[in-house]
Amino acid sequence: MKKLHIALSTHNIAASVTDYTQRLGLEPCCYIEYEFALWRTDCLNLSIRYDAYCKKGTLRHLGWEDPDTAEFCQETDAGGIVWEQFTAQQQADEINEIWPDTNYTPR
């Protein structure tokens, strides 16, 4: 089953982690202090990231976590929104490439 992926920008990871942990009722499955956090629920994949190039609190991109995806892909829709499609492992590989000491493994 596909999970909707929402990627948001923040300029305060700690405050955002507290907020979204309360909203979702669970801790992030991956947390990189000052930079990134990821929550995976049964129906949602939510990530927040500090990105100096994005206005805080804005949408970075949308996408689908899809176990049947052969490889990571990205496209832009008619409204200009970037959509990604990936498996949980492909997302983990990307996280571990950006932050090598993380050793994130999807649950």
C-alpha atoms as a PDB file:
ATOM      1  CA  MET A   1       0.000   0.000   0.000  1.00  0.00           C
ATOM      2  CA  LYS A   2       1.271   3.471  -0.852  1.00  0.00           C
ATOM      3  CA  LYS A   3       1.839   5.990   1.936  1.00  0.00           C
ATOM      4  CA  LEU A   4       1.519   9.701   1.300  1.00  0.00           C
ATOM      5  CA  HIS A   5       4.838  11.481   1.852  1.00  0.00           C
ATOM      6  CA  ILE A   6       4.848  15.092   3.034  1.00  0.00           C
ATOM      7  CA  ALA A   7       8.162  16.940   3.327  1.00  0.00           C
ATOM      8  CA  LEU A   8       8.129  20.253   5.191  1.00  0.00           C
ATOM      9  CA  SER A   9      10.738  22.917   5.819  1.00  0.00           C
ATOM     10  CA  THR A  10      11.483  24.225   9.291  1.00  0.00           C
ATOM     11  CA  HIS A  11      14.065  26.502  10.837  1.00  0.00           C
ATOM     12  CA  ASN A  12      13.658  24.932  14.298  1.00  0.00           C
ATOM     13  CA  ILE A  13      13.925  21.145  14.232  1.00  0.00           C
ATOM     14  CA  ALA A  14      13.616  20.704  18.013  1.00  0.00           C
ATOM     15  CA  ALA A  15      10.373  22.695  18.276  1.00  0.00           C
ATOM     16  CA  SER A  16       8.968  21.003  15.167  1.00  0.00           C
ATOM     17  CA  VAL A  17       9.834  17.532  16.496  1.00  0.00           C
ATOM     18  CA  THR A  18       7.993  18.312  19.734  1.00  0.00           C
ATOM     19  CA  ASP A  19       4.995  19.630  17.790  1.00  0.00           C
ATOM     20  CA  TYR A  20       4.677  16.791  15.265  1.00  0.00           C
ATOM     21  CA  THR A  21       5.407  14.119  17.864  1.00  0.00           C
ATOM     22  CA  GLN A  22       2.412  15.407  19.816  1.00  0.00           C
ATOM     23  CA  ARG A  23       0.230  15.704  16.700  1.00  0.00           C
ATOM     24  CA  LEU A  24       1.073  12.193  15.456  1.00  0.00           C
ATOM     25  CA  GLY A  25       1.234  10.537  18.879  1.00  0.00           C
ATOM     26  CA  LEU A  26       4.615   8.917  18.207  1.00  0.00           C
ATOM     27  CA  GLU A  27       8.313   9.730  18.224  1.00  0.00           C
ATOM     28  CA  PRO A  28      10.195  10.141  14.946  1.00  0.00           C
ATOM     29  CA  CYS A  29      11.780   6.955  13.645  1.00  0.00           C
ATOM     30  CA  CYS A  30      14.773   8.976  12.472  1.00  0.00           C
ATOM     31  CA  TYR A  31      16.054  12.166  14.095  1.00  0.00           C
ATOM     32  CA  ILE A  32      19.149  14.135  13.164  1.00  0.00           C
ATOM     33  CA  GLU A  33      19.545  16.965  15.635  1.00  0.00           C
ATOM     34  CA  TYR A  34      19.227  20.441  14.093  1.00  0.00           C
ATOM     35  CA  GLU A  35      18.668  18.993  10.603  1.00  0.00           C
ATOM     36  CA  PHE A  36      15.997  16.343   9.968  1.00  0.00           C
ATOM     37  CA  ALA A  37      13.251  14.149  11.411  1.00  0.00           C
ATOM     38  CA  LEU A  38      11.058  11.428   9.911  1.00  0.00           C
ATOM     39  CA  TRP A  39       7.842   9.823  11.115  1.00  0.00           C
ATOM     40  CA  ARG A  40       6.343   6.763   9.435  1.00  0.00           C
ATOM     41  CA  THR A  41       2.771   5.795  10.313  1.00  0.00           C
ATOM     42  CA  ASP A  42       0.525   3.201   8.676  1.00  0.00           C
ATOM     43  CA  CYS A  43      -0.691   5.769   6.141  1.00  0.00           C
ATOM     44  CA  LEU A  44       1.746   8.708   6.278  1.00  0.00           C
ATOM     45  CA  ASN A  45       5.433   9.374   5.799  1.00  0.00           C
ATOM     46  CA  LEU A  46       6.244  12.853   7.194  1.00  0.00           C
ATOM     47  CA  SER A  47       9.655  14.474   7.119  1.00  0.00           C
ATOM     48  CA  ILE A  48      10.832  17.844   8.327  1.00  0.00           C
ATOM     49  CA  ARG A  49      14.167  19.341   7.408  1.00  0.00           C
ATOM     50  CA  TYR A  50      16.101  22.465   8.149  1.00  0.00           C
ATOM     51  CA  ASP A  51      16.625  24.067   4.767  1.00  0.00           C
ATOM     52  CA  ALA A  52      18.045  27.585   4.706  1.00  0.00           C
ATOM     53  CA  TYR A  53      16.857  27.950   1.105  1.00  0.00           C
ATOM     54  CA  CYS A  54      13.199  27.274   1.936  1.00  0.00           C
ATOM     55  CA  LYS A  55      10.882  29.574   3.804  1.00  0.00           C
ATOM     56  CA  LYS A  56      10.179  28.010   7.209  1.00  0.00           C
ATOM     57  CA  GLY A  57       6.933  26.098   7.466  1.00  0.00           C
ATOM     58  CA  THR A  58       6.609  25.552   3.724  1.00  0.00           C
ATOM     59  CA  LEU A  59       6.097  22.455   1.668  1.00  0.00           C
ATOM     60  CA  ARG A  60       9.379  21.089   0.302  1.00  0.00           C
ATOM     61  CA  HIS A  61       7.722  18.354  -1.771  1.00  0.00           C
ATOM     62  CA  LEU A  62       5.082  15.616  -1.744  1.00  0.00           C
ATOM     63  CA  GLY A  63       5.368  12.021  -2.760  1.00  0.00           C
ATOM     64  CA  TRP A  64       4.540   8.379  -2.322  1.00  0.00           C
ATOM     65  CA  GLU A  65       6.325   5.729  -0.329  1.00  0.00           C
ATOM     66  CA  ASP A  66       5.495   2.763  -2.547  1.00  0.00           C
ATOM     67  CA  PRO A  67       6.901  -0.732  -1.907  1.00  0.00           C
ATOM     68  CA  ASP A  68       6.487  -1.560  -5.626  1.00  0.00           C
ATOM     69  CA  THR A  69       8.682   1.307  -6.890  1.00  0.00           C
ATOM     70  CA  ALA A  70      11.665   0.004  -8.854  1.00  0.00           C
ATOM     71  CA  GLU A  71      13.774   3.113  -8.313  1.00  0.00           C
ATOM     72  CA  PHE A  72      13.524   6.573  -6.805  1.00  0.00           C
ATOM     73  CA  CYS A  73      11.873   9.021  -9.170  1.00  0.00           C
ATOM     74  CA  GLN A  74      10.782  12.635  -9.086  1.00  0.00           C
ATOM     75  CA  GLU A  75       8.459  14.703 -11.246  1.00  0.00           C
ATOM     76  CA  THR A  76       6.760  18.079 -11.091  1.00  0.00           C
ATOM     77  CA  ASP A  77       2.989  18.354 -11.450  1.00  0.00           C
ATOM     78  CA  ALA A  78       1.060  20.978 -13.411  1.00  0.00           C
ATOM     79  CA  GLY A  79       0.935  23.227 -10.327  1.00  0.00           C
ATOM     80  CA  GLY A  80       4.709  23.191  -9.874  1.00  0.00           C
ATOM     81  CA  ILE A  81       4.756  20.792  -6.895  1.00  0.00           C
ATOM     82  CA  VAL A  82       7.585  18.256  -6.847  1.00  0.00           C
ATOM     83  CA  TRP A  83       6.414  14.656  -6.282  1.00  0.00           C
ATOM     84  CA  GLU A  84       8.816  11.894  -5.320  1.00  0.00           C
ATOM     85  CA  GLN A  85       8.208   8.149  -5.393  1.00  0.00           C
ATOM     86  CA  PHE A  86      10.389   5.711  -3.457  1.00  0.00           C
ATOM     87  CA  THR A  87      10.469   2.626  -1.253  1.00  0.00           C
ATOM     88  CA  ALA A  88      11.193   2.803   2.468  1.00  0.00           C
ATOM     89  CA  GLN A  89      14.668   1.392   1.777  1.00  0.00           C
ATOM     90  CA  GLN A  90      15.370   3.937  -0.963  1.00  0.00           C
ATOM     91  CA  GLN A  91      14.446   6.699   1.486  1.00  0.00           C
ATOM     92  CA  ALA A  92      16.723   5.132   4.114  1.00  0.00           C
ATOM     93  CA  ASP A  93      19.554   4.964   1.583  1.00  0.00           C
ATOM     94  CA  GLU A  94      19.118   8.670   0.822  1.00  0.00           C
ATOM     95  CA  ILE A  95      19.101   9.564   4.538  1.00  0.00           C
ATOM     96  CA  ASN A  96      22.252   7.504   5.138  1.00  0.00           C
ATOM     97  CA  GLU A  97      23.960   9.081   2.132  1.00  0.00           C
ATOM     98  CA  ILE A  98      23.267  12.625   3.377  1.00  0.00           C
ATOM     99  CA  TRP A  99      24.022  11.799   7.037  1.00  0.00           C
ATOM    100  CA  PRO A 100      26.393   8.763   6.948  1.00  0.00           C
ATOM    101  CA  ASP A 101      26.673   8.376  10.738  1.00  0.00           C
ATOM    102  CA  THR A 102      22.903   7.933  11.067  1.00  0.00           C
ATOM    103  CA  ASN A 103      22.722   4.252  10.057  1.00  0.00           C
ATOM    104  CA  TYR A 104      18.953   4.581   9.662  1.00  0.00           C
ATOM    105  CA  THR A 105      17.046   1.378   8.916  1.00  0.00           C
ATOM    106  CA  PRO A 106      13.301   1.549   8.189  1.00  0.00           C
ATOM    107  CA  ARG A 107      11.042  -0.338  10.578  1.00  0.00           C
END
